[in-house]
N, C-alpha and C. Protein backbone atom coordinates (compact mmCIF):
# COMPACT_ATOMS: atom_id res chain seq x y z
N MET A 1 31.39 54.36 3.89
CA MET A 1 30.26 53.58 3.69
C MET A 1 30.43 52.77 2.53
N LEU A 2 29.93 51.47 2.56
CA LEU A 2 30.03 50.58 1.46
C LEU A 2 28.83 50.90 0.42
N PRO A 3 29.17 50.56 -0.88
CA PRO A 3 28.07 50.77 -1.84
C PRO A 3 26.94 49.87 -1.61
N VAL A 4 25.77 50.12 -2.11
CA VAL A 4 24.48 49.35 -1.86
C VAL A 4 24.63 47.92 -2.35
N VAL A 5 25.26 47.74 -3.49
CA VAL A 5 25.44 46.34 -3.99
C VAL A 5 26.29 45.52 -3.02
N THR A 6 27.35 46.06 -2.54
CA THR A 6 28.27 45.40 -1.66
C THR A 6 27.49 45.05 -0.26
N ARG A 7 26.68 46.06 0.18
CA ARG A 7 25.93 45.75 1.48
C ARG A 7 24.94 44.63 1.24
N GLN A 8 24.26 44.68 0.09
CA GLN A 8 23.28 43.64 -0.16
C GLN A 8 23.91 42.27 -0.20
N ALA A 9 25.04 42.22 -0.89
CA ALA A 9 25.82 40.88 -1.06
C ALA A 9 26.34 40.50 0.40
N TRP A 10 26.81 41.40 1.13
CA TRP A 10 27.27 41.05 2.53
C TRP A 10 26.21 40.56 3.35
N LYS A 11 24.97 41.26 3.26
CA LYS A 11 23.78 40.87 4.00
C LYS A 11 23.40 39.47 3.61
N ALA A 12 23.43 39.14 2.40
CA ALA A 12 23.16 37.65 1.94
C ALA A 12 24.11 36.75 2.50
N VAL A 13 25.48 37.09 2.48
CA VAL A 13 26.38 36.12 3.07
C VAL A 13 26.19 36.02 4.57
N GLN A 14 25.85 37.13 5.31
CA GLN A 14 25.50 37.06 6.71
C GLN A 14 24.30 36.15 6.97
N ASP A 15 23.30 36.29 6.21
CA ASP A 15 22.12 35.49 6.39
C ASP A 15 22.41 34.04 6.17
N LEU A 16 23.17 33.75 5.10
CA LEU A 16 23.56 32.42 4.81
C LEU A 16 24.35 31.72 5.89
N LEU A 17 25.18 32.43 6.48
CA LEU A 17 25.98 31.95 7.62
C LEU A 17 25.19 31.88 8.92
N ALA A 18 24.42 32.88 9.14
CA ALA A 18 23.62 32.96 10.37
C ALA A 18 22.55 31.84 10.49
N TYR A 19 22.01 31.43 9.29
CA TYR A 19 21.00 30.40 9.33
C TYR A 19 21.57 28.98 8.89
N ASP A 20 22.87 28.86 9.15
CA ASP A 20 23.57 27.50 8.97
C ASP A 20 23.40 27.05 7.51
N LEU A 21 23.63 27.91 6.53
CA LEU A 21 23.45 27.65 5.15
C LEU A 21 22.11 27.10 4.74
N TYR A 22 21.15 27.40 5.57
CA TYR A 22 19.75 27.05 5.30
C TYR A 22 19.55 25.48 5.26
N VAL A 23 20.44 24.71 5.96
CA VAL A 23 20.29 23.30 5.89
C VAL A 23 19.01 22.80 6.44
N GLN A 24 18.57 23.40 7.58
CA GLN A 24 17.32 22.86 8.19
C GLN A 24 16.11 23.23 7.35
N THR A 25 16.05 24.31 6.61
CA THR A 25 14.95 24.67 5.70
C THR A 25 14.98 23.66 4.49
N ILE A 26 16.18 23.48 3.93
CA ILE A 26 16.28 22.51 2.87
C ILE A 26 15.92 21.14 3.30
N TYR A 27 16.30 20.67 4.47
CA TYR A 27 15.96 19.37 4.92
C TYR A 27 14.42 19.26 5.17
N LYS A 28 13.82 20.38 5.70
CA LYS A 28 12.40 20.30 5.92
C LYS A 28 11.65 20.18 4.65
N TYR A 29 12.04 20.90 3.65
CA TYR A 29 11.25 20.81 2.34
C TYR A 29 11.64 19.73 1.43
N THR A 30 12.67 18.89 1.71
CA THR A 30 13.05 17.82 0.98
C THR A 30 12.73 16.53 1.67
N VAL A 31 13.56 16.14 2.59
CA VAL A 31 13.53 14.83 3.25
C VAL A 31 12.21 14.67 4.06
N VAL A 32 11.87 15.67 4.91
CA VAL A 32 10.69 15.53 5.75
C VAL A 32 9.40 15.53 4.81
N LEU A 33 9.34 16.36 3.79
CA LEU A 33 8.24 16.35 2.95
C LEU A 33 8.12 15.02 2.10
N ILE A 34 9.20 14.46 1.67
CA ILE A 34 9.09 13.24 0.88
C ILE A 34 8.77 12.09 1.81
N VAL A 35 9.29 11.99 2.97
CA VAL A 35 9.11 10.90 3.97
C VAL A 35 7.69 10.96 4.44
N GLY A 36 7.27 12.15 4.71
CA GLY A 36 5.83 12.37 5.21
C GLY A 36 4.84 12.02 4.19
N GLY A 37 5.01 12.43 2.93
CA GLY A 37 4.09 12.13 1.85
C GLY A 37 4.03 10.57 1.64
N GLY A 38 5.31 10.03 1.58
CA GLY A 38 5.40 8.59 1.35
C GLY A 38 4.76 7.72 2.40
N SER A 39 4.92 8.22 3.66
CA SER A 39 4.24 7.45 4.79
C SER A 39 2.70 7.57 4.72
N LYS A 40 2.21 8.76 4.31
CA LYS A 40 0.75 8.97 4.20
C LYS A 40 0.25 8.02 3.00
N PHE A 41 0.89 7.95 1.97
CA PHE A 41 0.46 7.06 0.91
C PHE A 41 0.50 5.65 1.31
N LEU A 42 1.62 5.17 1.95
CA LEU A 42 1.68 3.70 2.43
C LEU A 42 0.67 3.48 3.54
N SER A 43 0.32 4.41 4.36
CA SER A 43 -0.72 4.21 5.31
C SER A 43 -2.09 4.04 4.65
N TRP A 44 -2.31 4.82 3.61
CA TRP A 44 -3.67 4.62 2.86
C TRP A 44 -3.60 3.24 2.25
N VAL A 45 -2.56 2.80 1.57
CA VAL A 45 -2.47 1.52 0.95
C VAL A 45 -2.60 0.34 1.94
N ASP A 46 -2.11 0.47 3.06
CA ASP A 46 -2.19 -0.50 4.11
C ASP A 46 -3.69 -0.55 4.61
N ARG A 47 -4.28 0.63 4.93
CA ARG A 47 -5.63 0.73 5.46
C ARG A 47 -6.65 0.22 4.47
N TYR A 48 -6.54 0.63 3.22
CA TYR A 48 -7.70 0.29 2.30
C TYR A 48 -7.39 -0.90 1.46
N LEU A 49 -6.21 -1.04 0.91
CA LEU A 49 -5.97 -2.14 0.01
C LEU A 49 -5.68 -3.39 0.75
N VAL A 50 -4.64 -3.34 1.62
CA VAL A 50 -4.30 -4.60 2.37
C VAL A 50 -5.30 -5.01 3.37
N ASP A 51 -5.86 -4.12 4.22
CA ASP A 51 -6.81 -4.50 5.16
C ASP A 51 -8.08 -4.95 4.51
N GLY A 52 -8.48 -4.20 3.37
CA GLY A 52 -9.70 -4.60 2.62
C GLY A 52 -9.64 -5.94 2.00
N SER A 53 -8.47 -6.33 1.39
CA SER A 53 -8.36 -7.59 0.72
C SER A 53 -8.35 -8.69 1.91
N VAL A 54 -7.71 -8.42 2.97
CA VAL A 54 -7.63 -9.46 4.11
C VAL A 54 -9.10 -9.66 4.68
N ASN A 55 -9.80 -8.58 4.82
CA ASN A 55 -11.17 -8.72 5.34
C ASN A 55 -12.08 -9.37 4.26
N PHE A 56 -11.84 -9.20 2.97
CA PHE A 56 -12.66 -9.81 2.01
C PHE A 56 -12.41 -11.39 2.08
N VAL A 57 -11.12 -11.76 2.17
CA VAL A 57 -10.81 -13.21 2.19
C VAL A 57 -11.43 -13.82 3.49
N GLY A 58 -11.51 -13.07 4.56
CA GLY A 58 -12.04 -13.54 5.82
C GLY A 58 -13.58 -13.71 5.64
N PHE A 59 -14.24 -12.77 5.09
CA PHE A 59 -15.71 -12.81 4.88
C PHE A 59 -16.05 -13.92 3.86
N ALA A 60 -15.21 -14.14 2.80
CA ALA A 60 -15.44 -15.12 1.89
C ALA A 60 -15.31 -16.52 2.48
N SER A 61 -14.31 -16.64 3.28
CA SER A 61 -14.14 -17.99 3.92
C SER A 61 -15.26 -18.26 4.92
N ILE A 62 -15.73 -17.23 5.66
CA ILE A 62 -16.84 -17.51 6.59
C ILE A 62 -18.17 -17.80 5.75
N PHE A 63 -18.37 -17.04 4.70
CA PHE A 63 -19.63 -17.29 3.89
C PHE A 63 -19.62 -18.64 3.21
N SER A 64 -18.47 -18.97 2.68
CA SER A 64 -18.40 -20.28 2.01
C SER A 64 -18.48 -21.47 3.06
N GLY A 65 -17.84 -21.26 4.13
CA GLY A 65 -18.09 -22.35 5.17
C GLY A 65 -19.44 -22.44 5.72
N GLU A 66 -20.01 -21.40 5.83
CA GLU A 66 -21.58 -21.34 6.27
C GLU A 66 -22.43 -22.00 5.19
N SER A 67 -22.13 -21.75 3.95
CA SER A 67 -22.94 -22.31 2.90
C SER A 67 -22.63 -23.78 2.69
N LEU A 68 -21.41 -24.17 2.88
CA LEU A 68 -21.04 -25.53 2.67
C LEU A 68 -21.52 -26.53 3.74
N LYS A 69 -21.77 -26.01 4.97
CA LYS A 69 -22.16 -26.80 6.08
C LYS A 69 -23.52 -27.45 5.77
N TYR A 70 -24.32 -26.93 4.87
CA TYR A 70 -25.64 -27.49 4.63
C TYR A 70 -25.62 -28.57 3.49
N THR A 71 -24.42 -28.79 2.92
CA THR A 71 -24.29 -29.74 1.84
C THR A 71 -23.68 -31.07 2.36
N VAL A 72 -23.65 -31.22 3.66
CA VAL A 72 -23.14 -32.51 4.25
C VAL A 72 -24.23 -33.48 4.03
N THR A 73 -24.00 -34.61 3.34
CA THR A 73 -25.03 -35.59 3.12
C THR A 73 -24.57 -37.02 3.50
N GLY A 74 -23.31 -37.18 3.62
CA GLY A 74 -22.74 -38.49 3.93
C GLY A 74 -22.58 -39.42 2.75
N ARG A 75 -22.80 -38.87 1.55
CA ARG A 75 -22.74 -39.70 0.34
C ARG A 75 -21.44 -39.46 -0.30
N LEU A 76 -20.61 -40.47 -0.57
CA LEU A 76 -19.25 -40.51 -1.05
C LEU A 76 -19.35 -39.96 -2.50
N GLN A 77 -20.30 -40.42 -3.35
CA GLN A 77 -20.39 -40.04 -4.64
C GLN A 77 -20.52 -38.50 -4.84
N GLN A 78 -21.21 -37.87 -3.92
CA GLN A 78 -21.44 -36.43 -3.98
C GLN A 78 -20.16 -35.65 -3.67
N TYR A 79 -19.45 -36.23 -2.70
CA TYR A 79 -18.15 -35.59 -2.27
C TYR A 79 -17.11 -35.73 -3.39
N VAL A 80 -17.08 -36.85 -4.13
CA VAL A 80 -16.06 -37.00 -5.20
C VAL A 80 -16.55 -36.08 -6.35
N LEU A 81 -17.80 -35.95 -6.66
CA LEU A 81 -18.26 -35.15 -7.64
C LEU A 81 -17.89 -33.70 -7.32
N THR A 82 -18.05 -33.17 -6.16
CA THR A 82 -17.72 -31.86 -5.78
C THR A 82 -16.31 -31.61 -5.90
N ILE A 83 -15.43 -32.59 -5.55
CA ILE A 83 -13.95 -32.41 -5.61
C ILE A 83 -13.58 -32.35 -7.09
N MET A 84 -14.10 -33.21 -7.85
CA MET A 84 -13.73 -33.12 -9.30
C MET A 84 -14.20 -31.89 -10.04
N PHE A 85 -15.43 -31.43 -9.63
CA PHE A 85 -15.88 -30.06 -10.15
C PHE A 85 -14.90 -28.98 -9.77
N GLY A 86 -14.40 -28.99 -8.53
CA GLY A 86 -13.59 -27.97 -8.01
C GLY A 86 -12.19 -28.04 -8.74
N LEU A 87 -11.71 -29.22 -8.96
CA LEU A 87 -10.38 -29.36 -9.68
C LEU A 87 -10.53 -28.97 -11.09
N ILE A 88 -11.63 -29.24 -11.72
CA ILE A 88 -11.83 -28.77 -13.15
C ILE A 88 -11.92 -27.29 -13.18
N LEU A 89 -12.57 -26.60 -12.28
CA LEU A 89 -12.65 -25.26 -12.16
C LEU A 89 -11.35 -24.65 -12.02
N ILE A 90 -10.53 -25.24 -11.15
CA ILE A 90 -9.16 -24.60 -10.93
C ILE A 90 -8.29 -24.89 -12.06
N GLY A 91 -8.45 -25.94 -12.78
CA GLY A 91 -7.70 -26.28 -14.10
C GLY A 91 -7.98 -25.24 -15.13
N PHE A 92 -9.38 -24.92 -15.26
CA PHE A 92 -9.77 -23.91 -16.31
C PHE A 92 -9.17 -22.52 -15.88
N ALA A 93 -9.26 -22.19 -14.64
CA ALA A 93 -8.73 -20.86 -14.18
C ALA A 93 -7.19 -20.81 -14.41
N ALA A 94 -6.48 -21.89 -14.10
CA ALA A 94 -5.07 -21.80 -14.35
C ALA A 94 -4.74 -21.74 -15.87
N PHE A 95 -5.45 -22.55 -16.68
CA PHE A 95 -5.27 -22.54 -18.08
C PHE A 95 -5.40 -21.13 -18.67
N TYR A 96 -6.46 -20.49 -18.39
CA TYR A 96 -6.78 -19.20 -18.94
C TYR A 96 -5.95 -18.18 -18.35
N ARG A 97 -5.34 -18.29 -17.21
CA ARG A 97 -4.44 -17.31 -16.58
C ARG A 97 -3.17 -17.38 -17.36
N TRP A 98 -2.56 -18.46 -17.65
CA TRP A 98 -1.27 -18.50 -18.26
C TRP A 98 -1.28 -18.55 -19.81
N ASN A 99 -2.46 -18.52 -20.43
CA ASN A 99 -2.55 -18.56 -21.92
C ASN A 99 -3.26 -17.29 -22.34
């Protein structure tokens, strides 16, 4: 009969070989866990950040279009004033963004 220490060591070697060096278990706890967690995080980012910002832009464009349709007067001076005001606003925004 083999000593207890040798039997325990041999049992560990048998288990290691019987379970294919535990490759599937290691794969499950490393690759599958990392890819699964990453995909859940990216799904959350897509659902709430990307879709939310796209929906916000859509609602903003609809709201601004609906509000601007009441400003149609047919007067050229008012259109030029509106365009100049918008360009000045964009200029201020660009100036403060890069400075």
